[in-house]
């Protein structure tokens, strides 16, 4: 966010002072864990070894996290899921080995009721309904109804497409008009599924987005079967005009996401995160020490060793500078020095109040505001978020603004108590970073730093006890 102090006074004009605001949050917390790859599973869901096709109703796991001792899905066995009320992605934490010879399927659906958008897989989004104007697909990359009356395929790691019917040539072509935005990041943190395809005119409905699944095994993960997170195909309807007829298609869902974390990955199976016909590709991520997987992968693929498995609830901590000297900050500040977002009268007497909104920060936490001028030393002031609740509070920090202005940052450092990790049926469900992953060197994490720049993207930085930094984008 940018602010400018206008020093203009009658018969006297002083240089303007320009201010850019950047937010920085550092969250520190105590760590425990083992010096090896750890899934964080407490084994409370026991062994998972289905001997026949199995449908897992996720209603009794509202966060989607399953804590197994071991997993073995045999050949010719297919495991599918009924999403819970929260539409949580599927997370399997496995204490020892995970062997998949059969099929684990979190794919989105194809419409079964004509004109009604199909459901996404767990963690994925539903397709749009068909109708007079066509419904939008759900999700951040949901497809829309295109100008040619066909619903557009949803996007995820790549753009979805839609049909165009060319009357002079009586041919179908494809285009990206109405495609949703590409979203997500290569680390699949947070874990998110595919989006739904757009609905078409004349009742052609959109397909559901592929779901999202994370499998983390403390030992070896062997995949000789398949993991499917495909987008569902859209519906179609044939309509007639004068002397010709055409088919108007609902858009397909985009592929979902598959993330595998283990000490070793082996096997020659299949991972498929493709969209339905003309739906965008999903994402596939490997995080492991040793990869000897020789199978096929469909989707946008990355690999490495990002050691975080499940982000903690404390990562919801946020700061936002909402006003400077009583002037509200715009909803979408540019953060550009040459284009100030706030103009403050120069006759404003110091100190100038800067109001910082805090989310999930304990009350009476010190909030530090810094001004980094273009020339001169940094100026700091400290206030407390003593109005509101832990979920939503504000701090008013009085600041003696330096002449000429500069960059403004808001900072907070807070611990995460064990109360943050609530339990369901007596079992811990939101696991700490220490319980769910270490670095490739087996180091424990000491803190997580969240940086938010107004007008820019957020970024998460995980820090080890020896100061190593693991950086990733945050949505």
Protein backbone atom coordinates (compact mmCIF):
# COMPACT_ATOMS: atom_id res chain seq x y z
CA UNK A 1 0.00 0.00 0.00
CA UNK A 2 1.19 3.47 -0.81
CA UNK A 3 0.43 6.66 1.09
CA UNK A 4 1.45 10.20 0.35
CA UNK A 5 1.57 13.09 2.78
CA UNK A 6 0.75 16.31 1.01
CA UNK A 7 2.76 19.10 2.66
CA UNK A 8 1.08 21.85 0.66
CA UNK A 9 0.16 24.90 2.74
CA UNK A 10 -1.00 28.39 1.84
CA UNK A 11 1.84 30.36 0.18
CA UNK A 12 4.30 27.54 0.98
CA UNK A 13 4.85 24.14 -0.68
CA UNK A 14 7.06 21.47 0.83
CA UNK A 15 8.24 18.22 -0.80
CA UNK A 16 5.66 15.48 -0.69
CA UNK A 17 6.29 12.43 1.47
CA UNK A 18 5.42 9.08 -0.04
CA UNK A 19 4.90 5.92 1.93
CA UNK A 20 4.70 2.28 0.85
CA UNK A 21 3.28 -0.28 3.25
CA UNK A 22 4.52 -3.84 3.47
CA UNK A 23 3.34 -6.41 5.98
CA UNK A 24 5.50 -8.98 7.69
CA UNK A 25 4.36 -11.58 10.17
CA UNK A 26 6.71 -13.93 11.98
CA UNK A 27 5.15 -16.82 13.86
CA UNK A 28 7.43 -18.78 16.18
CA UNK A 29 6.54 -21.95 17.99
CA UNK A 30 8.16 -24.84 19.80
CA UNK A 31 8.99 -27.97 17.84
CA UNK A 32 9.18 -31.68 18.48
CA UNK A 33 9.84 -34.51 16.06
CA UNK A 34 12.17 -37.22 14.85
CA UNK A 35 15.28 -36.69 12.77
CA UNK A 36 13.86 -38.53 9.75
CA UNK A 37 11.01 -38.24 7.30
CA UNK A 38 7.91 -38.35 9.44
CA UNK A 39 4.35 -38.53 8.19
CA UNK A 40 3.08 -37.37 11.57
CA UNK A 41 0.60 -40.24 11.75
CA UNK A 42 -0.41 -41.34 15.24
CA UNK A 43 -1.81 -44.61 13.83
CA UNK A 44 -5.26 -43.97 15.28
CA UNK A 45 -7.05 -45.18 12.12
CA UNK A 46 -5.14 -48.46 12.21
CA UNK A 47 -4.21 -50.52 9.16
CA UNK A 48 -6.00 -49.83 5.88
CA UNK A 49 -6.09 -53.00 3.77
CA UNK A 50 -9.28 -53.24 1.69
CA UNK A 51 -9.91 -56.59 -0.02
CA UNK A 52 -12.75 -55.38 -2.26
CA UNK A 53 -13.89 -52.15 -3.88
CA UNK A 54 -14.33 -49.65 -1.06
CA UNK A 55 -16.13 -46.32 -0.78
CA UNK A 56 -14.81 -44.18 2.06
CA UNK A 57 -17.42 -41.85 3.51
CA UNK A 58 -15.38 -38.93 4.81
CA UNK A 59 -18.17 -37.64 7.09
CA UNK A 60 -16.43 -38.96 10.22
CA UNK A 61 -13.17 -37.22 9.26
CA UNK A 62 -14.25 -33.58 8.85
CA UNK A 63 -10.69 -32.45 8.12
CA UNK A 64 -10.03 -35.30 5.68
CA UNK A 65 -6.95 -36.52 7.60
CA UNK A 66 -6.55 -40.30 8.05
CA UNK A 67 -3.82 -41.56 10.35
CA UNK A 68 -2.90 -45.09 9.35
CA UNK A 69 -0.27 -47.50 10.60
CA UNK A 70 0.11 -48.94 7.09
CA UNK A 71 -1.76 -48.98 3.77
CA UNK A 72 -2.10 -51.81 1.25
CA UNK A 73 -4.54 -51.49 -1.66
CA UNK A 74 -4.48 -54.80 -3.51
CA UNK A 75 -4.73 -55.44 -7.26
CA UNK A 76 -8.30 -55.11 -8.66
CA UNK A 77 -9.40 -53.09 -5.62
CA UNK A 78 -10.66 -49.53 -6.21
CA UNK A 79 -10.97 -46.99 -3.40
CA UNK A 80 -13.30 -44.03 -3.95
CA UNK A 81 -14.61 -41.32 -1.63
CA UNK A 82 -17.76 -39.49 -0.57
CA UNK A 83 -16.65 -35.93 0.31
CA UNK A 84 -17.42 -34.62 3.78
CA UNK A 85 -19.42 -31.48 4.53
CA UNK A 86 -16.23 -29.39 4.42
CA UNK A 87 -15.24 -30.85 1.04
CA UNK A 88 -11.80 -31.54 2.51
CA UNK A 89 -9.02 -33.00 0.38
CA UNK A 90 -7.95 -36.55 1.22
CA UNK A 91 -4.86 -36.79 3.42
CA UNK A 92 -3.37 -40.19 4.26
CA UNK A 93 -0.63 -40.09 6.90
CA UNK A 94 1.06 -43.50 7.10
CA UNK A 95 3.41 -44.59 9.89
CA UNK A 96 5.25 -47.19 7.81
CA UNK A 97 4.82 -48.37 4.20
CA UNK A 98 2.10 -47.53 1.70
CA UNK A 99 1.54 -49.99 -1.17
CA UNK A 100 -1.00 -49.25 -3.92
CA UNK A 101 -1.47 -52.08 -6.42
CA UNK A 102 -5.08 -51.23 -7.16
CA UNK A 103 -6.70 -47.81 -7.74
CA UNK A 104 -7.24 -44.80 -5.50
CA UNK A 105 -9.68 -42.45 -7.23
CA UNK A 106 -10.57 -38.87 -6.24
CA UNK A 107 -11.75 -37.84 -9.71
CA UNK A 108 -14.53 -35.37 -10.42
CA UNK A 109 -17.85 -36.59 -11.77
CA UNK A 110 -19.65 -36.31 -15.09
CA UNK A 111 -23.23 -34.94 -14.94
CA UNK A 112 -25.77 -37.68 -14.28
CA UNK A 113 -28.86 -35.46 -14.13
CA UNK A 114 -29.20 -33.57 -17.38
CA UNK A 115 -28.60 -29.87 -16.87
CA UNK A 116 -27.22 -30.21 -13.33
CA UNK A 117 -23.54 -29.55 -12.78
CA UNK A 118 -21.53 -32.53 -11.57
CA UNK A 119 -19.80 -32.73 -8.20
CA UNK A 120 -16.06 -32.43 -7.85
CA UNK A 121 -13.89 -35.01 -6.14
CA UNK A 122 -12.96 -34.39 -2.47
CA UNK A 123 -11.29 -30.99 -2.38
CA UNK A 124 -12.49 -30.23 -5.94
CA UNK A 125 -15.32 -28.03 -7.16
CA UNK A 126 -18.65 -28.61 -8.89
CA UNK A 127 -19.51 -27.84 -12.49
CA UNK A 128 -21.99 -25.16 -13.53
CA UNK A 129 -25.60 -25.93 -14.33
CA UNK A 130 -26.83 -25.78 -17.90
CA UNK A 131 -29.65 -23.41 -18.78
CA UNK A 132 -30.72 -20.32 -20.66
CA UNK A 133 -27.43 -18.56 -20.06
CA UNK A 134 -25.32 -21.35 -18.58
CA UNK A 135 -23.95 -21.42 -15.04
CA UNK A 136 -20.40 -20.69 -13.95
CA UNK A 137 -18.20 -23.53 -12.82
CA UNK A 138 -17.20 -23.34 -9.17
CA UNK A 139 -13.66 -22.89 -7.89
CA UNK A 140 -10.85 -20.40 -8.55
CA UNK A 141 -10.43 -21.68 -12.11
CA UNK A 142 -14.10 -22.35 -12.85
CA UNK A 143 -15.15 -22.16 -16.50
CA UNK A 144 -17.83 -19.77 -17.72
CA UNK A 145 -20.44 -19.94 -20.46
CA UNK A 146 -18.60 -18.76 -23.58
CA UNK A 147 -19.85 -16.40 -26.26
CA UNK A 148 -20.61 -19.43 -28.43
CA UNK A 149 -23.05 -20.91 -25.91
CA UNK A 150 -20.71 -23.74 -24.93
CA UNK A 151 -19.44 -23.92 -21.38
CA UNK A 152 -15.71 -23.45 -21.05
CA UNK A 153 -13.48 -26.09 -19.53
CA UNK A 154 -12.08 -25.21 -16.11
CA UNK A 155 -8.47 -24.20 -15.53
CA UNK A 156 -5.97 -25.24 -12.87
CA UNK A 157 -2.29 -25.66 -13.82
CA UNK A 158 -3.21 -24.92 -17.44
CA UNK A 159 -6.08 -23.10 -19.12
CA UNK A 160 -9.33 -24.83 -19.96
CA UNK A 161 -10.79 -24.66 -23.46
CA UNK A 162 -14.25 -24.29 -24.99
CA UNK A 163 -15.77 -25.24 -28.32
CA UNK A 164 -16.53 -22.72 -31.02
CA UNK A 165 -18.93 -23.76 -33.76
CA UNK A 166 -17.97 -22.13 -37.04
CA UNK A 167 -21.14 -21.91 -39.16
CA UNK A 168 -19.50 -21.17 -42.51
CA UNK A 169 -17.30 -24.25 -42.28
CA UNK A 170 -19.59 -26.27 -40.01
CA UNK A 171 -16.56 -27.21 -37.92
CA UNK A 172 -15.78 -27.07 -34.21
CA UNK A 173 -12.67 -25.31 -33.00
CA UNK A 174 -11.52 -24.55 -29.48
CA UNK A 175 -10.67 -21.32 -27.71
CA UNK A 176 -10.00 -20.02 -24.20
CA UNK A 177 -12.76 -17.41 -24.02
CA UNK A 178 -14.34 -17.78 -20.59
CA UNK A 179 -11.51 -19.84 -19.12
CA UNK A 180 -10.81 -19.39 -15.43
CA UNK A 181 -7.45 -18.30 -14.07
CA UNK A 182 -4.49 -20.60 -13.54
CA UNK A 183 -4.02 -20.98 -9.78
CA UNK A 184 -2.17 -22.88 -7.08
CA UNK A 185 1.58 -23.43 -6.76
CA UNK A 186 4.11 -26.15 -7.48
CA UNK A 187 4.37 -27.23 -3.83
CA UNK A 188 0.64 -28.02 -3.50
CA UNK A 189 0.54 -26.11 -0.23
CA UNK A 190 -2.26 -25.50 0.45
CA UNK A 191 -3.68 -28.69 -1.05
CA UNK A 192 -6.51 -27.78 -3.41
CA UNK A 193 -8.42 -29.62 -6.10
CA UNK A 194 -9.61 -28.84 -9.62
CA UNK A 195 -12.40 -26.44 -10.62
CA UNK A 196 -15.73 -27.13 -12.28
CA UNK A 197 -16.52 -26.66 -15.96
CA UNK A 198 -18.99 -24.01 -17.08
CA UNK A 199 -22.58 -24.84 -18.01
CA UNK A 200 -23.85 -24.32 -21.57
CA UNK A 201 -27.05 -23.01 -23.08
CA UNK A 202 -29.74 -25.63 -23.74
CA UNK A 203 -28.93 -27.50 -20.52
CA UNK A 204 -25.43 -28.89 -21.21
CA UNK A 205 -23.94 -28.97 -17.67
CA UNK A 206 -20.33 -28.72 -16.51
CA UNK A 207 -18.17 -31.55 -15.18
CA UNK A 208 -16.73 -31.59 -11.68
CA UNK A 209 -13.13 -30.76 -10.88
CA UNK A 210 -10.71 -33.49 -9.90
CA UNK A 211 -10.19 -33.92 -6.19
CA UNK A 212 -7.01 -33.53 -4.17
CA UNK A 213 -5.04 -36.21 -2.32
CA UNK A 214 -1.88 -36.18 -0.24
CA UNK A 215 -0.23 -39.46 0.76
CA UNK A 216 2.68 -39.18 3.20
CA UNK A 217 4.50 -42.36 4.24
CA UNK A 218 7.31 -42.44 6.77
CA UNK A 219 8.92 -45.36 4.94
CA UNK A 220 8.44 -46.50 1.34
CA UNK A 221 5.54 -45.66 -0.95
CA UNK A 222 5.11 -48.19 -3.76
CA UNK A 223 2.72 -47.42 -6.62
CA UNK A 224 2.20 -50.16 -9.19
CA UNK A 225 -1.50 -49.40 -9.55
CA UNK A 226 -3.03 -45.97 -10.15
CA UNK A 227 -3.94 -42.73 -8.42
CA UNK A 228 -6.60 -40.81 -10.33
CA UNK A 229 -7.58 -37.17 -9.85
CA UNK A 230 -9.19 -36.51 -13.23
CA UNK A 231 -11.68 -33.81 -14.06
CA UNK A 232 -15.16 -34.90 -15.08
CA UNK A 233 -16.38 -34.47 -18.66
CA UNK A 234 -19.09 -31.92 -19.37
CA UNK A 235 -22.56 -32.80 -20.65
CA UNK A 236 -23.81 -32.00 -24.16
CA UNK A 237 -27.10 -31.35 -25.93
CA UNK A 238 -27.95 -31.16 -29.59
CA UNK A 239 -30.04 -28.20 -30.77
CA UNK A 240 -31.41 -27.21 -34.17
CA UNK A 241 -31.44 -23.97 -36.11
CA UNK A 242 -32.61 -23.09 -39.59
CA UNK A 243 -31.07 -25.63 -41.90
CA UNK A 244 -28.41 -26.80 -39.44
CA UNK A 245 -27.92 -28.33 -36.03
CA UNK A 246 -25.18 -28.15 -33.45
CA UNK A 247 -24.11 -29.63 -30.15
CA UNK A 248 -23.61 -27.31 -27.21
CA UNK A 249 -21.24 -28.69 -24.66
CA UNK A 250 -20.88 -28.11 -20.96
CA UNK A 251 -17.28 -27.47 -20.00
CA UNK A 252 -15.19 -30.19 -18.41
CA UNK A 253 -13.68 -29.96 -14.95
CA UNK A 254 -9.97 -29.43 -14.57
CA UNK A 255 -7.68 -32.10 -13.19
CA UNK A 256 -7.09 -32.21 -9.45
CA UNK A 257 -3.90 -32.62 -7.46
CA UNK A 258 -1.77 -35.52 -6.22
CA UNK A 259 1.08 -35.02 -3.75
CA UNK A 260 3.26 -37.90 -2.58
CA UNK A 261 5.70 -37.58 0.33
CA UNK A 262 7.95 -40.45 1.43
CA UNK A 263 11.50 -41.52 2.10
CA UNK A 264 11.40 -43.61 -1.10
CA UNK A 265 8.98 -43.84 -4.01
CA UNK A 266 8.98 -46.98 -6.16
CA UNK A 267 6.78 -48.72 -8.72
CA UNK A 268 5.68 -48.27 -12.32
CA UNK A 269 2.06 -47.30 -11.89
CA UNK A 270 -0.08 -44.41 -13.16
CA UNK A 271 -0.82 -40.95 -11.78
CA UNK A 272 -3.49 -39.12 -13.76
CA UNK A 273 -4.50 -35.54 -12.96
CA UNK A 274 -5.80 -34.60 -16.41
CA UNK A 275 -8.94 -32.57 -16.93
CA UNK A 276 -11.98 -33.89 -18.72
CA UNK A 277 -12.05 -33.22 -22.46
CA UNK A 278 -10.67 -29.65 -22.82
CA UNK A 279 -10.42 -29.18 -19.06
CA UNK A 280 -7.11 -27.83 -17.75
CA UNK A 281 -4.37 -30.02 -16.34
CA UNK A 282 -4.07 -30.63 -12.62
CA UNK A 283 -0.88 -30.77 -10.53
CA UNK A 284 1.37 -33.62 -9.36
CA UNK A 285 4.12 -33.18 -6.78
CA UNK A 286 6.77 -35.60 -5.40
CA UNK A 287 8.60 -34.78 -2.16
CA UNK A 288 11.06 -37.53 -1.21
CA UNK A 289 14.66 -38.46 -0.67
CA UNK A 290 14.83 -41.21 -3.30
CA UNK A 291 12.65 -41.49 -6.41
CA UNK A 292 12.76 -44.69 -8.45
CA UNK A 293 9.24 -44.36 -9.83
CA UNK A 294 9.11 -45.52 -13.45
CA UNK A 295 5.43 -45.12 -14.23
CA UNK A 296 3.44 -42.47 -16.10
CA UNK A 297 2.36 -39.04 -14.87
CA UNK A 298 -0.38 -36.93 -16.48
CA UNK A 299 -0.53 -33.37 -15.18
CA UNK A 300 1.89 -30.54 -14.48
CA UNK A 301 4.63 -32.27 -12.51
CA UNK A 302 7.31 -31.03 -10.10
CA UNK A 303 9.56 -32.79 -7.61
CA UNK A 304 12.05 -32.01 -4.88
CA UNK A 305 11.86 -32.12 -1.12
CA UNK A 306 9.56 -29.52 0.34
CA UNK A 307 9.48 -30.74 3.94
CA UNK A 308 6.12 -29.33 5.04
CA UNK A 309 3.25 -31.80 4.95
CA UNK A 310 0.34 -30.04 6.63
CA UNK A 311 0.40 -26.29 7.30
CA UNK A 312 -0.65 -25.51 10.85
CA UNK A 313 -3.71 -23.57 11.87
CA UNK A 314 -1.43 -20.75 13.02
CA UNK A 315 -0.63 -19.91 9.41
CA UNK A 316 -3.96 -18.14 9.30
CA UNK A 317 -2.32 -15.25 11.14
CA UNK A 318 -2.56 -12.03 9.15
CA UNK A 319 -1.89 -8.33 9.49
CA UNK A 320 -3.37 -5.53 7.43
CA UNK A 321 -2.74 -1.80 7.71
CA UNK A 322 -6.25 -0.39 7.36
CA UNK A 323 -5.73 3.35 7.81
CA UNK A 324 -3.04 6.00 8.12
CA UNK A 325 -3.90 9.27 9.90
CA UNK A 326 -7.58 8.38 9.63
CA UNK A 327 -7.41 7.88 5.85
CA UNK A 328 -8.62 4.43 4.80
CA UNK A 329 -6.32 2.22 2.77
CA UNK A 330 -7.86 1.19 -0.59
CA UNK A 331 -9.15 -2.36 -0.86
CA UNK A 332 -6.60 -3.19 -3.57
CA UNK A 333 -3.59 -0.96 -2.94
CA UNK A 334 -1.00 -0.71 -5.69
CA UNK A 335 2.06 -0.53 -3.45
CA UNK A 336 3.83 1.65 -6.01
CA UNK A 337 5.73 4.73 -4.84
CA UNK A 338 4.87 6.71 -7.94
CA UNK A 339 1.16 6.02 -7.53
CA UNK A 340 0.23 6.73 -3.87
CA UNK A 341 -2.88 5.03 -2.53
CA UNK A 342 -3.47 7.46 0.35
CA UNK A 343 -3.02 11.24 0.46
CA UNK A 344 -2.62 12.68 3.94
CA UNK A 345 -2.85 16.44 4.59
CA UNK A 346 0.52 17.90 5.55
CA UNK A 347 -1.03 19.82 8.47
CA UNK A 348 -1.73 16.52 10.25
CA UNK A 349 -0.03 16.89 13.64
CA UNK A 350 2.35 14.14 14.73
CA UNK A 351 2.19 11.46 15.90
CA UNK A 352 0.10 9.99 13.09
CA UNK A 353 -2.13 7.04 14.11
CA UNK A 354 -1.62 3.88 12.02
CA UNK A 355 -4.34 1.26 12.49
CA UNK A 356 -3.36 -2.38 11.96
CA UNK A 357 -5.98 -5.14 11.74
CA UNK A 358 -4.90 -8.52 13.14
CA UNK A 359 -6.37 -11.96 12.47
CA UNK A 360 -5.66 -14.93 14.78
CA UNK A 361 -3.16 -12.92 16.83
CA UNK A 362 -3.55 -13.16 20.65
CA UNK A 363 -4.69 -9.93 22.27
CA UNK A 364 -2.04 -7.57 23.64
CA UNK A 365 0.60 -8.82 21.24
CA UNK A 366 3.18 -6.17 20.34
CA UNK A 367 2.61 -4.82 16.82
CA UNK A 368 5.65 -3.03 15.45
CA UNK A 369 5.30 -0.50 12.66
CA UNK A 370 8.43 0.58 10.80
CA UNK A 371 8.97 3.38 8.30
CA UNK A 372 11.96 2.97 6.01
CA UNK A 373 12.56 6.41 4.48
CA UNK A 374 14.24 6.91 1.15
CA UNK A 375 17.01 8.72 3.05
CA UNK A 376 17.77 8.41 6.73
CA UNK A 377 17.31 5.92 9.55
CA UNK A 378 14.38 3.57 10.09
CA UNK A 379 11.69 4.90 12.43
CA UNK A 380 9.83 2.41 14.65
CA UNK A 381 6.81 2.53 16.92
CA UNK A 382 5.05 -0.19 18.91
CA UNK A 383 1.42 -0.68 19.87
CA UNK A 384 -0.80 -3.49 21.18
CA UNK A 385 -3.75 -5.18 19.50
CA UNK A 386 -5.93 -4.54 22.54
CA UNK A 387 -9.31 -4.05 20.85
CA UNK A 388 -11.41 -7.01 19.69
CA UNK A 389 -10.74 -10.73 20.00
CA UNK A 390 -7.98 -13.13 19.03
CA UNK A 391 -9.84 -13.91 15.81
CA UNK A 392 -10.14 -10.23 14.85
CA UNK A 393 -8.45 -7.35 16.62
CA UNK A 394 -6.92 -3.95 15.95
CA UNK A 395 -3.87 -2.06 17.12
CA UNK A 396 -3.46 1.71 16.85
CA UNK A 397 0.21 2.61 16.62
CA UNK A 398 1.23 6.31 16.94
CA UNK A 399 4.02 7.13 14.50
CA UNK A 400 6.23 10.20 14.07
CA UNK A 401 6.49 10.03 10.30
CA UNK A 402 9.92 10.99 8.94
CA UNK A 403 10.17 13.81 6.46
CA UNK A 404 10.03 12.50 2.92
CA UNK A 405 8.10 9.35 3.81
CA UNK A 406 9.25 5.86 2.91
CA UNK A 407 8.28 2.19 3.16
CA UNK A 408 5.96 1.14 6.00
CA UNK A 409 5.99 -2.40 7.41
CA UNK A 410 3.85 -3.96 10.13
CA UNK A 411 5.30 -6.87 12.11
CA UNK A 412 4.09 -9.30 14.75
CA UNK A 413 5.76 -12.23 16.47
CA UNK A 414 3.54 -14.71 18.27
CA UNK A 415 3.70 -18.26 19.53
CA UNK A 416 1.25 -21.00 18.65
CA UNK A 417 -0.13 -22.78 21.72
CA UNK A 418 -1.04 -26.45 21.87
CA UNK A 419 -4.67 -25.34 22.02
CA UNK A 420 -4.39 -24.51 18.32
CA UNK A 421 -4.34 -28.22 17.57
CA UNK A 422 -7.94 -29.21 18.22
CA UNK A 423 -9.00 -32.84 18.41
CA UNK A 424 -11.85 -34.72 16.81
CA UNK A 425 -13.18 -37.73 18.73
CA UNK A 426 -10.20 -37.41 21.03
CA UNK A 427 -7.65 -37.52 18.21
CA UNK A 428 -5.43 -34.65 17.18
CA UNK A 429 -6.35 -33.50 13.69
CA UNK A 430 -4.41 -30.29 13.05
CA UNK A 431 -0.81 -31.39 13.31
CA UNK A 432 2.14 -29.16 14.00
CA UNK A 433 4.86 -28.66 11.43
CA UNK A 434 7.28 -30.64 13.59
CA UNK A 435 4.94 -33.63 13.61
CA UNK A 436 4.40 -33.59 9.87
CA UNK A 437 7.78 -33.08 8.31
CA UNK A 438 11.44 -32.27 8.72
CA UNK A 439 14.07 -31.02 6.33
CA UNK A 440 16.15 -33.30 4.14
CA UNK A 441 18.86 -33.05 6.79
CA UNK A 442 16.45 -34.12 9.51
CA UNK A 443 16.42 -30.68 11.13
CA UNK A 444 13.50 -29.46 13.16
CA UNK A 445 11.69 -26.28 12.28
CA UNK A 446 11.87 -23.42 14.73
CA UNK A 447 9.52 -20.89 13.15
CA UNK A 448 7.42 -19.95 10.19
CA UNK A 449 7.51 -16.46 8.73
CA UNK A 450 4.60 -15.07 6.73
CA UNK A 451 5.25 -12.05 4.54
CA UNK A 452 2.44 -10.14 2.87
CA UNK A 453 3.19 -7.23 0.59
CA UNK A 454 0.29 -4.96 -0.24
CA UNK A 455 -0.16 -5.06 -3.99
CA UNK A 456 1.89 -8.29 -4.16
CA UNK A 457 1.80 -11.98 -3.25
CA UNK A 458 2.13 -13.58 0.13
CA UNK A 459 5.07 -15.82 0.91
CA UNK A 460 5.72 -18.47 3.56
CA UNK A 461 9.24 -19.04 4.86
CA UNK A 462 9.95 -22.00 7.15
CA UNK A 463 13.11 -21.64 9.24
CA UNK A 464 15.14 -24.39 10.86
CA UNK A 465 16.97 -24.12 14.15
CA UNK A 466 20.23 -23.51 12.30
CA UNK A 467 18.73 -20.76 10.17
CA UNK A 468 17.98 -22.57 6.89
CA UNK A 469 15.05 -21.06 5.02
CA UNK A 470 12.46 -22.92 2.93
CA UNK A 471 10.41 -20.48 0.89
CA UNK A 472 7.16 -21.04 -0.95
CA UNK A 473 4.29 -18.90 -2.17
CA UNK A 474 1.04 -18.79 -0.25
CA UNK A 475 -2.45 -18.30 -1.59
